[in-house]
């Protein structure tokens, strides 16, 4: 018997005390987390849901650490995030960031670097299948997002706040990157599959009930009626969204072809 664990994070706002007065209020992110947890439970996963104030760095990393301790070869982790996406300059000039930016998940208490996501995924045993679904702006490669303006409907940390927060937190992120690079230098990228809400140069739309990406995903999944692999799943979601929001299929490490060909959410 294989085991499936899932973690679903939905943030309708962040702590303004940690983001220089910006709350980043959204509408549909908690709904997205609940709906993805229902999908996961029906598919045989054991879901954990973290909503707005519980979507902190410590709680997210603790939940991922607990999952890594439980899952072994052949098991599966499903990780979903719905909220704001952002980026911070990567002044270290790492080779894996050709745009000199680190993509971030805008968690309740601070931005969570893509390097930190990778570090958490590295803790999983070899041959654990990892699937990440990110409904946030500029998320095309967020497990390994560039500027723009926020018209109020996008899930993007606006540039003025980005600049202000980066100047405040530059020293912290520089030290964090150094620590992550030392810890992960010998391990390489974890084997993981990302289906994101949009490309790196696009924004993801919020909605009255679900985010546009999550709404399209749920429609394609059709309560489990979908047949096909992850590539077909990605293409079908893509057809349900406008060209201004094109979901991305992105791989790190070397996921097995058999994994990519599986019906999504197969435990």
Protein backbone atom coordinates (compact mmCIF):
# COMPACT_ATOMS: atom_id res chain seq x y z
CA UNK A 1 0.00 0.00 0.00
CA UNK A 2 1.28 3.45 -0.92
CA UNK A 3 0.59 6.54 1.17
CA UNK A 4 -0.58 9.92 -0.06
CA UNK A 5 -0.24 13.05 2.08
CA UNK A 6 -1.32 16.51 0.98
CA UNK A 7 -0.80 20.03 2.29
CA UNK A 8 -3.14 22.82 1.20
CA UNK A 9 -2.34 26.47 2.00
CA UNK A 10 -4.82 29.28 1.37
CA UNK A 11 -4.16 32.89 2.39
CA UNK A 12 -6.84 35.52 1.92
CA UNK A 13 -4.52 38.08 3.50
CA UNK A 14 -1.15 38.44 5.20
CA UNK A 15 -0.10 39.99 8.50
CA UNK A 16 0.17 43.73 7.81
CA UNK A 17 2.53 44.09 10.76
CA UNK A 18 5.04 41.91 8.85
CA UNK A 19 4.43 43.55 5.46
CA UNK A 20 4.79 47.25 6.30
CA UNK A 21 1.02 47.80 6.62
CA UNK A 22 0.02 45.85 3.50
CA UNK A 23 -2.62 43.13 4.09
CA UNK A 24 -2.92 41.96 0.47
CA UNK A 25 -6.60 41.03 0.83
CA UNK A 26 -7.85 38.36 -1.58
CA UNK A 27 -11.21 36.59 -1.85
CA UNK A 28 -10.93 33.00 -3.04
CA UNK A 29 -7.71 31.52 -1.63
CA UNK A 30 -9.19 29.80 1.39
CA UNK A 31 -11.89 28.34 -0.87
CA UNK A 32 -9.15 27.03 -3.15
CA UNK A 33 -7.44 25.29 -0.24
CA UNK A 34 -10.69 23.73 0.98
CA UNK A 35 -11.65 22.55 -2.51
CA UNK A 36 -8.22 21.07 -3.23
CA UNK A 37 -8.33 19.28 0.14
CA UNK A 38 -11.72 17.78 -0.77
CA UNK A 39 -10.31 16.64 -4.12
CA UNK A 40 -7.29 15.13 -2.38
CA UNK A 41 -9.35 13.32 0.25
CA UNK A 42 -11.59 11.79 -2.43
CA UNK A 43 -8.45 10.61 -4.26
CA UNK A 44 -7.13 8.83 -1.17
CA UNK A 45 -4.83 11.44 0.37
CA UNK A 46 -4.67 12.46 4.01
CA UNK A 47 -5.00 16.27 3.76
CA UNK A 48 -3.72 19.03 6.03
CA UNK A 49 -5.13 22.54 5.52
CA UNK A 50 -3.46 25.77 6.66
CA UNK A 51 -5.59 28.89 6.28
CA UNK A 52 -4.60 32.57 6.48
CA UNK A 53 -3.13 33.08 10.01
CA UNK A 54 -1.85 29.50 10.13
CA UNK A 55 -0.02 29.87 6.81
CA UNK A 56 3.25 30.86 8.48
CA UNK A 57 6.75 29.74 7.55
CA UNK A 58 7.07 27.68 10.73
CA UNK A 59 3.76 25.87 10.26
CA UNK A 60 4.32 25.21 6.55
CA UNK A 61 7.84 23.87 7.11
CA UNK A 62 6.68 21.79 10.08
CA UNK A 63 3.88 20.22 8.02
CA UNK A 64 6.29 19.44 5.17
CA UNK A 65 8.80 18.00 7.64
CA UNK A 66 6.16 15.73 9.15
CA UNK A 67 5.18 14.54 5.67
CA UNK A 68 8.82 13.86 4.77
CA UNK A 69 9.19 11.74 7.90
CA UNK A 70 6.19 9.61 6.95
CA UNK A 71 6.55 9.14 3.20
CA UNK A 72 8.86 6.60 1.61
CA UNK A 73 9.74 5.35 -1.85
CA UNK A 74 6.65 5.12 -4.06
CA UNK A 75 4.51 7.37 -1.83
CA UNK A 76 3.22 10.78 -2.95
CA UNK A 77 3.06 14.34 -1.62
CA UNK A 78 0.55 16.82 -3.02
CA UNK A 79 1.39 20.44 -2.15
CA UNK A 80 -1.04 23.23 -3.10
CA UNK A 81 -0.72 26.95 -2.45
CA UNK A 82 -3.21 29.73 -3.14
CA UNK A 83 -2.24 33.29 -2.35
CA UNK A 84 0.10 36.05 -3.47
CA UNK A 85 3.34 35.38 -5.33
CA UNK A 86 6.35 37.64 -5.30
CA UNK A 87 10.06 37.87 -5.94
CA UNK A 88 13.18 39.28 -4.38
CA UNK A 89 16.47 40.11 -6.12
CA UNK A 90 19.06 37.33 -5.90
CA UNK A 91 22.25 39.31 -5.39
CA UNK A 92 24.26 36.14 -4.92
CA UNK A 93 24.14 35.55 -8.68
CA UNK A 94 23.32 31.86 -8.42
CA UNK A 95 23.39 29.97 -11.70
CA UNK A 96 19.90 28.58 -11.19
CA UNK A 97 18.34 32.08 -11.31
CA UNK A 98 19.15 33.49 -14.77
CA UNK A 99 16.76 36.41 -14.18
CA UNK A 100 18.59 37.23 -10.90
CA UNK A 101 15.31 36.85 -8.99
CA UNK A 102 14.13 34.42 -6.36
CA UNK A 103 10.44 33.60 -6.65
CA UNK A 104 8.47 33.60 -3.41
CA UNK A 105 5.27 32.36 -1.86
CA UNK A 106 3.91 35.26 0.18
CA UNK A 107 3.15 33.46 3.44
CA UNK A 108 1.37 35.07 6.38
CA UNK A 109 4.49 36.21 8.21
CA UNK A 110 7.11 36.55 5.44
CA UNK A 111 8.03 35.61 1.90
CA UNK A 112 9.09 31.97 1.44
CA UNK A 113 11.87 31.62 -1.14
CA UNK A 114 11.72 29.06 -3.95
CA UNK A 115 15.08 27.87 -2.54
CA UNK A 116 13.28 27.09 0.72
CA UNK A 117 10.61 25.11 -1.11
CA UNK A 118 13.35 23.08 -2.76
CA UNK A 119 15.10 22.57 0.56
CA UNK A 120 11.89 21.23 2.10
CA UNK A 121 11.36 18.89 -0.85
CA UNK A 122 14.95 17.59 -0.58
CA UNK A 123 14.07 16.13 2.82
CA UNK A 124 11.79 13.56 1.18
CA UNK A 125 13.07 10.07 0.48
CA UNK A 126 14.19 9.15 -3.02
CA UNK A 127 11.33 8.16 -5.32
CA UNK A 128 8.66 9.99 -3.36
CA UNK A 129 6.43 11.54 -5.99
CA UNK A 130 6.04 15.29 -5.36
CA UNK A 131 3.31 17.32 -7.08
CA UNK A 132 3.02 21.08 -6.48
CA UNK A 133 0.04 23.15 -7.67
CA UNK A 134 0.54 26.90 -7.21
CA UNK A 135 -2.28 29.38 -7.78
CA UNK A 136 -0.34 32.64 -7.51
CA UNK A 137 1.15 35.23 -9.81
CA UNK A 138 4.43 34.71 -11.70
CA UNK A 139 4.58 31.09 -10.55
CA UNK A 140 5.90 29.39 -13.68
CA UNK A 141 9.03 28.05 -11.98
CA UNK A 142 8.34 28.71 -8.31
CA UNK A 143 9.65 25.43 -7.00
CA UNK A 144 13.17 25.85 -8.15
CA UNK A 145 7.93 35.40 -10.47
CA UNK A 146 9.04 39.25 -12.65
CA UNK A 147 7.46 42.60 -12.04
CA UNK A 148 4.26 44.17 -13.16
CA UNK A 149 1.40 46.14 -11.71
CA UNK A 150 -1.40 44.87 -9.54
CA UNK A 151 -4.86 45.94 -10.70
CA UNK A 152 -6.50 44.49 -7.59
CA UNK A 153 -7.56 41.21 -9.19
CA UNK A 154 -4.13 39.60 -9.38
CA UNK A 155 -2.31 37.52 -6.78
CA UNK A 156 0.87 39.56 -6.84
CA UNK A 157 2.80 41.39 -4.13
CA UNK A 158 2.96 44.93 -5.61
CA UNK A 159 6.33 46.41 -6.59
CA UNK A 160 6.40 49.23 -4.00
CA UNK A 161 5.97 46.70 -1.20
CA UNK A 162 8.46 44.36 -2.91
CA UNK A 163 11.15 47.05 -2.90
CA UNK A 164 10.40 48.18 0.65
CA UNK A 165 10.39 44.66 2.06
CA UNK A 166 13.56 43.71 0.19
CA UNK A 167 15.49 46.68 1.53
CA UNK A 168 14.31 45.83 5.03
CA UNK A 169 15.03 42.09 4.77
CA UNK A 170 18.06 41.98 2.42
CA UNK A 171 20.49 40.85 5.10
CA UNK A 172 18.16 38.12 6.30
CA UNK A 173 17.63 36.71 2.79
CA UNK A 174 21.34 36.87 1.94
CA UNK A 175 22.19 34.84 5.02
CA UNK A 176 19.30 32.45 4.38
CA UNK A 177 20.49 31.82 0.80
CA UNK A 178 24.03 31.09 2.01
CA UNK A 179 22.72 28.61 4.55
CA UNK A 180 20.45 26.91 2.02
CA UNK A 181 23.25 26.70 -0.54
CA UNK A 182 25.55 25.00 1.98
CA UNK A 183 22.86 22.54 3.05
CA UNK A 184 21.75 21.61 -0.46
CA UNK A 185 24.94 21.78 -2.49
CA UNK A 186 25.50 18.01 -2.54
CA UNK A 187 21.90 16.97 -3.05
CA UNK A 188 20.88 18.61 -6.33
CA UNK A 189 17.31 19.48 -7.21
CA UNK A 190 14.54 17.28 -5.80
CA UNK A 191 12.38 15.29 -8.22
CA UNK A 192 9.16 17.30 -8.36
CA UNK A 193 6.43 18.28 -10.77
CA UNK A 194 4.86 21.75 -10.74
CA UNK A 195 1.69 22.84 -12.47
CA UNK A 196 1.45 26.58 -11.89
CA UNK A 197 -1.26 29.14 -12.49
CA UNK A 198 0.70 31.10 -15.08
CA UNK A 199 4.05 31.80 -16.72
CA UNK A 200 6.78 33.81 -14.99
CA UNK A 201 5.78 36.99 -16.84
CA UNK A 202 2.04 36.72 -16.15
CA UNK A 203 -0.36 37.34 -13.30
CA UNK A 204 -2.93 34.93 -11.87
CA UNK A 205 -6.49 36.10 -11.33
CA UNK A 206 -8.43 35.91 -8.10
CA UNK A 207 -12.17 35.22 -8.33
CA UNK A 208 -15.44 35.36 -6.39
CA UNK A 209 -15.32 31.65 -5.49
CA UNK A 210 -12.03 30.18 -6.74
CA UNK A 211 -8.92 31.53 -8.39
CA UNK A 212 -9.09 31.25 -12.19
CA UNK A 213 -6.49 28.49 -12.25
CA UNK A 214 -8.09 26.45 -9.48
CA UNK A 215 -11.52 26.90 -11.06
CA UNK A 216 -10.19 25.59 -14.40
CA UNK A 217 -8.38 22.70 -12.68
CA UNK A 218 -11.51 21.61 -10.82
CA UNK A 219 -13.56 21.84 -14.00
CA UNK A 220 -11.06 19.67 -15.90
CA UNK A 221 -10.79 17.16 -13.06
CA UNK A 222 -14.60 16.89 -13.06
CA UNK A 223 -14.84 15.04 -9.73
CA UNK A 224 -12.43 12.39 -10.94
CA UNK A 225 -13.83 11.83 -14.43
CA UNK A 226 -10.61 13.10 -16.07
CA UNK A 227 -8.50 10.46 -17.78
CA UNK A 228 -4.91 11.02 -18.92
CA UNK A 229 -1.52 11.95 -17.49
CA UNK A 230 -0.12 15.15 -16.03
CA UNK A 231 0.82 16.57 -19.43
CA UNK A 232 -2.73 16.08 -20.70
CA UNK A 233 -4.05 17.55 -17.45
CA UNK A 234 -1.87 20.64 -17.89
CA UNK A 235 -2.94 21.11 -21.52
CA UNK A 236 -6.61 20.74 -20.63
CA UNK A 237 -6.33 23.37 -17.89
CA UNK A 238 -4.46 25.63 -20.31
CA UNK A 239 -7.33 25.45 -22.80
CA UNK A 240 -9.69 26.65 -20.08
CA UNK A 241 -7.79 29.87 -19.43
CA UNK A 242 -7.19 32.98 -21.57
CA UNK A 243 -3.78 33.56 -23.24
CA UNK A 244 -3.03 36.19 -20.58
CA UNK A 245 -2.82 33.37 -18.01
CA UNK A 246 -1.09 30.28 -19.37
CA UNK A 247 -0.40 27.60 -16.74
CA UNK A 248 3.07 26.11 -16.77
CA UNK A 249 4.28 22.53 -16.42
CA UNK A 250 7.72 22.63 -14.82
CA UNK A 251 9.96 19.81 -13.61
CA UNK A 252 12.91 19.76 -11.23
CA UNK A 253 15.30 16.88 -10.88
CA UNK A 254 14.40 13.83 -12.97
CA UNK A 255 10.86 12.63 -12.28
CA UNK A 256 10.20 9.18 -13.78
CA UNK A 257 8.29 9.14 -17.11
CA UNK A 258 5.86 6.68 -15.54
CA UNK A 259 5.03 9.31 -12.91
CA UNK A 260 4.28 11.96 -15.54
CA UNK A 261 2.05 9.50 -17.40
CA UNK A 262 0.00 8.63 -14.32
CA UNK A 263 -3.52 9.93 -13.91
CA UNK A 264 -3.19 13.00 -11.64
CA UNK A 265 -3.61 12.48 -7.92
CA UNK A 266 -2.96 8.74 -8.14
CA UNK A 267 -1.92 7.44 -4.73
